[in-house]
Protein backbone atom coordinates (compact mmCIF):
# COMPACT_ATOMS: atom_id res chain seq x y z
CA MET A 1 24.15 23.80 -16.62
CA ILE A 2 22.25 23.27 -14.11
CA SER A 3 20.07 19.74 -13.78
CA LYS A 4 16.70 19.97 -12.33
CA PRO A 5 16.34 19.18 -8.93
CA TYR A 6 14.72 15.89 -7.96
CA ILE A 7 12.95 16.11 -4.68
CA ARG A 8 11.67 13.08 -2.64
CA ILE A 9 8.57 13.19 -0.79
CA THR A 10 6.59 11.16 1.92
CA LYS A 11 3.50 10.61 3.11
CA ALA A 12 2.10 8.01 6.15
CA PHE A 13 -1.37 6.18 6.55
CA LYS A 14 -2.60 3.81 8.72
CA PHE A 15 -5.18 1.19 8.45
CA GLU A 16 -6.57 -1.94 10.48
CA THR A 17 -6.85 -5.28 8.41
CA ALA A 18 -7.10 -8.92 9.53
CA HIS A 19 -5.42 -11.64 7.46
CA SER A 20 -4.13 -15.21 8.10
CA LEU A 21 -1.85 -17.16 6.56
CA PRO A 22 -2.49 -21.00 5.34
CA GLY A 23 0.25 -23.34 5.56
CA TYR A 24 2.32 -21.17 7.76
CA ASP A 25 4.27 -23.09 10.66
CA GLY A 26 3.15 -20.50 13.47
CA LEU A 27 0.19 -18.43 15.43
CA CYS A 28 0.00 -16.48 12.04
CA LYS A 29 -1.97 -19.14 10.07
CA ASN A 30 -4.89 -18.13 12.39
CA ILE A 31 -6.75 -15.07 12.01
CA HIS A 32 -5.74 -11.96 13.69
CA GLY A 33 -5.44 -8.40 12.73
CA HIS A 34 -2.66 -5.72 12.66
CA SER A 35 -3.05 -1.97 12.98
CA TYR A 36 -0.81 -1.19 9.30
CA GLU A 37 1.33 1.90 8.89
CA LEU A 38 2.66 2.60 5.08
CA LEU A 39 5.03 5.33 4.29
CA VAL A 40 4.82 6.07 0.24
CA THR A 41 7.84 7.76 -1.20
CA VAL A 42 7.29 9.34 -4.69
CA ALA A 43 9.65 11.92 -6.18
CA GLY A 44 9.98 14.21 -9.40
CA SER A 45 10.74 17.71 -10.34
CA PRO A 46 9.22 20.62 -8.67
CA ILE A 47 7.05 22.77 -10.85
CA GLU A 48 8.06 25.67 -11.74
CA GLU A 49 5.40 27.10 -13.99
CA LYS A 50 4.97 30.75 -12.36
CA ASN A 51 1.32 30.81 -12.77
CA HIS A 52 0.54 27.27 -11.80
CA PRO A 53 -1.51 26.63 -8.44
CA LYS A 54 0.99 23.65 -7.64
CA ARG A 55 4.26 25.98 -8.06
CA GLY A 56 7.24 24.60 -6.19
CA MET A 57 5.26 21.10 -5.60
CA VAL A 58 7.04 17.68 -6.76
CA MET A 59 3.44 16.78 -6.10
CA ASP A 60 0.33 18.22 -3.89
CA PHE A 61 0.11 15.75 -0.57
CA GLY A 62 -3.47 15.84 -1.03
CA ASP A 63 -3.31 14.34 -4.56
CA LEU A 64 -0.79 11.83 -2.86
CA LYS A 65 -3.62 11.28 -0.43
CA LYS A 66 -6.21 10.74 -2.71
CA ILE A 67 -4.38 7.89 -4.55
CA VAL A 68 -2.91 5.70 -1.82
CA ARG A 69 -6.59 6.57 -0.19
CA ALA A 70 -7.95 4.79 -3.45
CA GLU A 71 -5.87 2.40 -4.32
CA ILE A 72 -4.97 0.81 -0.66
CA VAL A 73 -6.51 2.26 2.28
CA LYS A 74 -9.86 2.25 0.88
CA PRO A 75 -10.38 -1.23 0.08
CA PHE A 76 -8.11 -2.73 2.59
CA ASP A 77 -9.28 -0.84 5.70
CA HIS A 78 -11.04 -2.78 8.23
CA ALA A 79 -10.70 -6.04 5.99
CA LEU A 80 -10.44 -9.74 5.86
CA VAL A 81 -7.75 -10.40 3.53
CA LEU A 82 -7.80 -14.24 2.68
CA ARG A 83 -5.32 -16.49 0.03
CA SER A 84 -8.02 -16.70 -2.81
CA ASP A 85 -7.76 -20.79 -2.35
CA VAL A 86 -8.76 -21.06 0.69
CA SER A 87 -11.91 -23.48 0.93
CA GLU A 88 -15.04 -21.84 -1.22
CA THR A 89 -16.77 -23.14 2.34
CA LEU A 90 -15.15 -21.57 4.20
CA ILE A 91 -15.20 -18.36 1.88
CA ALA A 92 -19.37 -18.66 1.48
CA GLU A 93 -19.94 -18.93 5.26
CA LEU A 94 -17.21 -15.97 6.21
CA LYS A 95 -19.14 -13.98 3.63
CA LYS A 96 -22.61 -14.65 5.45
CA ASN A 97 -21.06 -12.69 8.68
CA TYR A 98 -18.87 -10.27 6.72
CA GLU A 99 -19.05 -7.50 4.43
CA LYS A 100 -15.50 -7.04 3.44
CA ILE A 101 -13.48 -10.01 2.66
CA ILE A 102 -10.64 -9.63 -0.43
CA LEU A 103 -9.35 -12.70 -1.67
CA LEU A 104 -6.00 -12.63 -3.25
CA ASN A 105 -4.12 -14.87 -5.60
CA TYR A 106 -0.72 -14.46 -3.37
CA GLN A 107 -0.28 -15.46 0.80
CA PRO A 108 -0.63 -11.92 2.52
CA THR A 109 2.51 -11.29 4.28
CA SER A 110 3.76 -7.89 4.62
CA GLU A 111 6.36 -8.45 1.84
CA MET A 112 3.79 -9.68 -0.70
CA MET A 113 1.00 -6.83 0.39
CA LEU A 114 4.03 -4.57 -0.47
CA LEU A 115 4.71 -6.02 -3.84
CA ASP A 116 0.74 -5.60 -4.69
CA PHE A 117 0.85 -2.17 -3.27
CA ALA A 118 3.57 -0.56 -5.54
CA ASN A 119 2.44 -2.24 -8.41
CA ARG A 120 -1.20 -0.48 -7.43
CA LEU A 121 0.41 2.87 -6.76
CA LYS A 122 2.72 2.87 -9.66
CA ASN A 123 -0.39 2.14 -12.41
CA ALA A 124 -2.40 5.19 -10.42
CA LEU A 125 0.31 7.98 -10.11
CA PRO A 126 0.91 11.07 -12.50
CA GLU A 127 3.38 10.39 -15.30
CA ASN A 128 5.98 12.56 -14.13
CA ILE A 129 5.78 11.11 -10.44
CA GLU A 130 7.64 7.98 -9.64
CA LEU A 131 7.00 5.81 -6.84
CA LYS A 132 10.78 5.14 -4.94
CA TYR A 133 10.07 3.85 -1.57
CA LEU A 134 6.95 1.69 0.59
CA LEU A 135 7.62 0.66 4.16
CA LEU A 136 5.16 -1.44 5.81
CA ARG A 137 4.69 -1.64 9.64
CA GLU A 138 2.79 -4.86 10.30
CA THR A 139 3.93 -4.42 14.65
CA VAL A 140 5.67 -1.58 16.55
CA THR A 141 8.53 -3.72 15.66
CA SER A 142 8.13 -5.54 12.51
CA TYR A 143 8.24 -3.80 8.98
CA ALA A 144 8.91 -4.62 5.53
CA GLU A 145 10.57 -2.54 2.78
CA TRP A 146 10.18 -1.68 -0.79
CA PHE A 147 12.65 0.15 -3.10
CA ALA A 148 12.35 1.04 -6.52
CA GLU A 149 16.17 0.51 -7.15
CA GLU A 150 15.89 -2.85 -6.38
CA ASN A 151 12.72 -4.08 -8.16
């Protein structure tokens, strides 16, 4: 018996985010920004129903785009991302001048952001679609990867 095909599809996204890494022993302890690129790979079996409008697709790229934009791009694009345990006085001062501040319970490194993004996406994807891989490029030469089979 021939098994159902299992296919991976990938979509790329870009967004701009500022952050700081308090306690870090280098320049990144200061507020700075990145032009992030996020690759999202999902997998499943192509839809086989004859009259289904998405026949032959694992998932419509447009549907994947809507999910990733809602869960990651829209909240993080042009936001200042800080660890939630920074000074309340600092946060209050920043909020006087900046509208889009995200407070996270983790150090906002590429590695930790990927773990967060994976959880957000796994909870938002349709049941028949599996999140397989994420790549978050922080600079042209630096990126972090998340593989489902390793997590």
